[in-house]
Amino acid sequence: MSHLTILPTVLRDLDLMVSALNALHLRPHRDGAVTGFAGEQQPVDVHIQLENGQSLGWRQQPDGSLALVADLQKLAQCTALPGLLAEITRTYATHLALREAARSFSGASVDVVC
């Protein structure tokens, strides 16, 4: 029997998560729930549906982090899951780095010396 699992992550920004999921063409949906065995549901702030019909979701925690919500026992049958989660995390990190770089340079003055 499987059940929904909530795993903490180091990811914190829900908008960046949506941006990363969109960049990977995973069609994220805001709000909703992830459903597990016997109709067990956990509310999430964003979720995606995988090709095998399973769902992954993320929920903002009180400390600001995003927790992954999924039926990991069913998803364990998906051999591509670790790679998918790694790709989501890498894409999120790339979007975060680009956002921080843009913030750093938006207020910087540039002196041109000839």
Protein backbone atom coordinates (compact mmCIF):
# COMPACT_ATOMS: atom_id res chain seq x y z
CA MET A 1 0.00 0.00 0.00
CA SER A 2 1.41 3.39 -0.95
CA HIS A 3 0.75 6.81 0.51
CA LEU A 4 1.66 10.40 -0.17
CA THR A 5 5.03 11.56 1.09
CA ILE A 6 6.07 15.12 1.87
CA LEU A 7 9.80 15.72 1.45
CA PRO A 8 11.51 18.99 2.36
CA THR A 9 13.69 20.63 -0.29
CA VAL A 10 16.10 23.57 -0.36
CA LEU A 11 13.97 25.29 -3.00
CA ARG A 12 12.11 28.34 -1.75
CA ASP A 13 10.56 30.40 -4.55
CA LEU A 14 7.25 29.20 -5.95
CA ASP A 15 7.38 31.54 -8.96
CA LEU A 16 10.85 30.25 -9.88
CA MET A 17 9.55 26.69 -9.56
CA VAL A 18 6.71 27.47 -11.98
CA SER A 19 9.20 29.13 -14.34
CA ALA A 20 11.52 26.09 -14.21
CA LEU A 21 8.65 23.67 -14.83
CA ASN A 22 7.44 25.75 -17.77
CA ALA A 23 10.98 25.83 -19.21
CA LEU A 24 10.96 22.02 -19.09
CA HIS A 25 7.53 21.92 -20.80
CA LEU A 26 5.97 20.18 -17.79
CA ARG A 27 2.81 22.35 -17.78
CA PRO A 28 2.55 23.30 -14.09
CA HIS A 29 -0.82 24.05 -12.51
CA ARG A 30 -1.22 26.40 -9.55
CA ASP A 31 -3.04 25.16 -6.46
CA GLY A 32 -4.90 21.87 -6.32
CA ALA A 33 -3.97 18.57 -4.71
CA VAL A 34 -1.91 15.46 -5.29
CA THR A 35 -3.88 12.25 -4.90
CA GLY A 36 -2.47 9.00 -3.58
CA PHE A 37 -3.70 5.57 -2.53
CA ALA A 38 -7.40 5.27 -1.66
CA GLY A 39 -8.03 8.87 -2.65
CA GLU A 40 -5.72 10.37 -0.02
CA GLN A 41 -5.10 13.99 -0.99
CA GLN A 42 -2.55 16.59 0.01
CA PRO A 43 -3.02 20.22 -1.00
CA VAL A 44 -0.21 21.75 -3.06
CA ASP A 45 0.66 25.19 -4.40
CA VAL A 46 1.84 23.89 -7.78
CA HIS A 47 1.70 20.46 -9.42
CA ILE A 48 2.49 18.63 -12.62
CA GLN A 49 1.14 15.43 -14.11
CA LEU A 50 3.66 12.98 -15.48
CA GLU A 51 3.12 10.89 -18.61
CA ASN A 52 2.43 7.80 -16.47
CA GLY A 53 -0.52 9.59 -14.83
CA GLN A 54 1.27 10.20 -11.53
CA SER A 55 1.51 13.69 -10.06
CA LEU A 56 4.25 15.67 -8.37
CA GLY A 57 3.43 18.72 -6.32
CA TRP A 58 5.16 21.33 -4.21
CA ARG A 59 3.78 23.09 -1.18
CA GLN A 60 5.20 26.16 0.55
CA GLN A 61 6.17 25.30 4.12
CA PRO A 62 5.99 27.69 7.11
CA ASP A 63 9.79 28.16 6.92
CA GLY A 64 9.47 29.30 3.29
CA SER A 65 10.87 26.14 1.70
CA LEU A 66 9.01 24.11 -0.89
CA ALA A 67 8.16 20.54 0.07
CA LEU A 68 7.80 17.89 -2.63
CA VAL A 69 4.49 16.01 -2.34
CA ALA A 70 4.19 12.70 -4.20
CA ASP A 71 3.26 9.06 -3.97
CA LEU A 72 6.86 7.90 -3.93
CA GLN A 73 6.04 4.18 -3.84
CA LYS A 74 4.18 4.41 -7.15
CA LEU A 75 6.75 6.82 -8.58
CA ALA A 76 9.57 4.45 -7.61
CA GLN A 77 8.49 2.36 -10.59
CA CYS A 78 9.40 5.31 -12.82
CA THR A 79 13.12 4.88 -13.45
CA ALA A 80 13.33 8.39 -14.93
CA LEU A 81 12.17 10.10 -11.71
CA PRO A 82 15.61 10.81 -10.17
CA GLY A 83 16.76 12.35 -13.44
CA LEU A 84 13.58 14.41 -13.73
CA LEU A 85 13.93 15.76 -10.19
CA ALA A 86 17.58 16.58 -10.86
CA GLU A 87 16.64 18.40 -14.07
CA ILE A 88 13.92 20.38 -12.29
CA THR A 89 16.40 21.36 -9.55
CA ARG A 90 19.10 22.36 -12.09
CA THR A 91 16.63 24.44 -14.10
CA TYR A 92 15.33 26.10 -10.92
CA ALA A 93 18.93 26.92 -9.90
CA THR A 94 19.66 28.36 -13.35
CA HIS A 95 16.59 30.59 -13.18
CA LEU A 96 17.58 31.70 -9.68
CA ALA A 97 21.13 32.54 -10.80
CA LEU A 98 19.86 34.51 -13.80
CA ARG A 99 17.40 36.44 -11.64
CA GLU A 100 20.09 37.29 -9.08
CA ALA A 101 22.52 38.34 -11.83
CA ALA A 102 19.88 40.60 -13.36
CA ARG A 103 19.24 42.18 -9.96
CA SER A 104 22.95 42.72 -9.40
CA PHE A 105 23.46 44.42 -12.74
CA SER A 106 20.23 46.41 -12.89
CA GLY A 107 21.47 49.00 -10.41
CA ALA A 108 25.14 48.96 -11.41
CA SER A 109 26.64 51.91 -13.20
CA VAL A 110 29.11 51.27 -15.95
CA ASP A 111 32.01 53.65 -16.56
CA VAL A 112 33.37 53.57 -20.07
CA VAL A 113 37.00 54.62 -20.32
CA CYS A 114 38.55 55.12 -23.72
